Amino acid sequence: DNALSDLVYTSGRHTGPLFAGDTVFATTEIREKRDYPGRPDVGVVVTTLRGHKYKRSEAGEFERVEIFYLEREIIVKRRSHYA
């Protein structure tokens, strides 16, 4: 809701297969935040987005499998200006 736009995609890759019926989970790591020059109402957040699914191993246990990785910088609204 607070992201206004993507500033830059630093890197990204698909690291594993995905099939119809698979359930995808995602986690986002906030790596950095900084001011956006000339705009006191927004800031830049540097994130790493990782997607994964669970796959049943031959032993019958579930193992986590990474399926994508994306590093990006997004422009977000500041709470002080938009709350």
C-alpha atoms as a PDB file:
ATOM      1  CA  ASP A   1       0.000   0.000   0.000  1.00  0.00           C
ATOM      2  CA  ASN A   2       2.792   2.452   0.775  1.00  0.00           C
ATOM      3  CA  ALA A   3       5.012   1.737  -2.229  1.00  0.00           C
ATOM      4  CA  LEU A   4       4.590   4.408  -4.878  1.00  0.00           C
ATOM      5  CA  SER A   5       6.925   2.892  -7.465  1.00  0.00           C
ATOM      6  CA  ASP A   6       9.938   0.720  -8.114  1.00  0.00           C
ATOM      7  CA  LEU A   7      13.089   2.784  -8.428  1.00  0.00           C
ATOM      8  CA  VAL A   8      15.497   0.096  -9.654  1.00  0.00           C
ATOM      9  CA  TYR A   9      15.795  -3.677  -9.834  1.00  0.00           C
ATOM     10  CA  THR A  10      19.384  -4.395  -8.783  1.00  0.00           C
ATOM     11  CA  SER A  11      19.289  -8.114  -9.516  1.00  0.00           C
ATOM     12  CA  GLY A  12      16.880 -10.984  -9.743  1.00  0.00           C
ATOM     13  CA  ARG A  13      16.744 -14.590 -10.814  1.00  0.00           C
ATOM     14  CA  HIS A  14      14.547 -17.648 -10.864  1.00  0.00           C
ATOM     15  CA  THR A  15      16.359 -20.351  -8.941  1.00  0.00           C
ATOM     16  CA  GLY A  16      13.907 -23.238  -9.038  1.00  0.00           C
ATOM     17  CA  PRO A  17      10.885 -24.567 -10.914  1.00  0.00           C
ATOM     18  CA  LEU A  18       7.273 -23.761 -10.138  1.00  0.00           C
ATOM     19  CA  PHE A  19       4.318 -25.855 -11.272  1.00  0.00           C
ATOM     20  CA  ALA A  20       0.553 -25.392 -11.348  1.00  0.00           C
ATOM     21  CA  GLY A  21      -0.851 -26.121  -7.909  1.00  0.00           C
ATOM     22  CA  ASP A  22       2.329 -25.168  -6.010  1.00  0.00           C
ATOM     23  CA  THR A  23       1.899 -22.773  -3.095  1.00  0.00           C
ATOM     24  CA  VAL A  24       4.406 -19.919  -3.079  1.00  0.00           C
ATOM     25  CA  PHE A  25       5.619 -18.213   0.091  1.00  0.00           C
ATOM     26  CA  ALA A  26       7.606 -14.978   0.159  1.00  0.00           C
ATOM     27  CA  THR A  27       9.753 -13.088   2.648  1.00  0.00           C
ATOM     28  CA  THR A  28      11.078  -9.553   2.373  1.00  0.00           C
ATOM     29  CA  GLU A  29      14.275  -8.372   4.031  1.00  0.00           C
ATOM     30  CA  ILE A  30      14.711  -4.617   4.524  1.00  0.00           C
ATOM     31  CA  ARG A  31      18.404  -3.944   3.906  1.00  0.00           C
ATOM     32  CA  GLU A  32      18.582  -0.158   3.895  1.00  0.00           C
ATOM     33  CA  LYS A  33      16.466   2.987   3.990  1.00  0.00           C
ATOM     34  CA  ARG A  34      17.390   6.484   2.890  1.00  0.00           C
ATOM     35  CA  ASP A  35      15.970   9.848   1.867  1.00  0.00           C
ATOM     36  CA  TYR A  36      14.847  10.541  -1.672  1.00  0.00           C
ATOM     37  CA  PRO A  37      16.519  13.777  -2.861  1.00  0.00           C
ATOM     38  CA  GLY A  38      14.140  16.713  -3.191  1.00  0.00           C
ATOM     39  CA  ARG A  39      11.094  14.840  -1.831  1.00  0.00           C
ATOM     40  CA  PRO A  40      10.612  15.093   1.949  1.00  0.00           C
ATOM     41  CA  ASP A  41       7.321  13.157   1.696  1.00  0.00           C
ATOM     42  CA  VAL A  42       8.914   9.900   0.411  1.00  0.00           C
ATOM     43  CA  GLY A  43      11.911   7.686   1.085  1.00  0.00           C
ATOM     44  CA  VAL A  44      13.776   4.819  -0.564  1.00  0.00           C
ATOM     45  CA  VAL A  45      13.750   1.307   0.883  1.00  0.00           C
ATOM     46  CA  VAL A  46      16.219  -1.304  -0.376  1.00  0.00           C
ATOM     47  CA  THR A  47      14.740  -4.808  -0.116  1.00  0.00           C
ATOM     48  CA  THR A  48      15.504  -8.414  -0.922  1.00  0.00           C
ATOM     49  CA  LEU A  49      12.446 -10.482  -1.826  1.00  0.00           C
ATOM     50  CA  ARG A  50      12.783 -14.267  -1.700  1.00  0.00           C
ATOM     51  CA  GLY A  51      10.177 -16.758  -2.834  1.00  0.00           C
ATOM     52  CA  HIS A  52      10.073 -20.385  -1.805  1.00  0.00           C
ATOM     53  CA  LYS A  53       7.882 -23.465  -1.767  1.00  0.00           C
ATOM     54  CA  TYR A  54       7.948 -26.752   0.077  1.00  0.00           C
ATOM     55  CA  LYS A  55       8.714 -29.998  -1.688  1.00  0.00           C
ATOM     56  CA  ARG A  56       8.394 -33.504  -0.305  1.00  0.00           C
ATOM     57  CA  SER A  57      11.747 -35.296  -0.229  1.00  0.00           C
ATOM     58  CA  GLU A  58      12.252 -38.979  -0.972  1.00  0.00           C
ATOM     59  CA  ALA A  59      12.275 -39.604   2.786  1.00  0.00           C
ATOM     60  CA  GLY A  60       8.758 -38.146   2.990  1.00  0.00           C
ATOM     61  CA  GLU A  61       9.788 -34.943   4.768  1.00  0.00           C
ATOM     62  CA  PHE A  62       9.161 -31.452   3.465  1.00  0.00           C
ATOM     63  CA  GLU A  63      12.133 -29.359   2.423  1.00  0.00           C
ATOM     64  CA  ARG A  64      12.183 -25.667   1.608  1.00  0.00           C
ATOM     65  CA  VAL A  65      13.119 -24.861  -2.010  1.00  0.00           C
ATOM     66  CA  GLU A  66      13.963 -21.310  -3.119  1.00  0.00           C
ATOM     67  CA  ILE A  67      12.259 -20.424  -6.410  1.00  0.00           C
ATOM     68  CA  PHE A  68      13.139 -16.742  -6.916  1.00  0.00           C
ATOM     69  CA  TYR A  69      15.319 -13.956  -5.599  1.00  0.00           C
ATOM     70  CA  LEU A  70      14.839 -10.230  -6.279  1.00  0.00           C
ATOM     71  CA  GLU A  71      16.791  -7.213  -5.058  1.00  0.00           C
ATOM     72  CA  ARG A  72      15.053  -3.894  -5.600  1.00  0.00           C
ATOM     73  CA  GLU A  73      14.748  -0.326  -4.396  1.00  0.00           C
ATOM     74  CA  ILE A  74      11.259   1.073  -3.929  1.00  0.00           C
ATOM     75  CA  ILE A  75       9.924   4.547  -3.233  1.00  0.00           C
ATOM     76  CA  VAL A  76       7.589   4.590  -0.232  1.00  0.00           C
ATOM     77  CA  LYS A  77       5.387   7.197   1.428  1.00  0.00           C
ATOM     78  CA  ARG A  78       6.546   8.596   4.753  1.00  0.00           C
ATOM     79  CA  ARG A  79       4.130   8.079   7.596  1.00  0.00           C
ATOM     80  CA  SER A  80       4.700  11.659   8.785  1.00  0.00           C
ATOM     81  CA  HIS A  81       3.264  13.056   5.547  1.00  0.00           C
ATOM     82  CA  TYR A  82       0.533  10.538   4.656  1.00  0.00           C
ATOM     83  CA  ALA A  83      -0.853   9.236   7.967  1.00  0.00           C
END
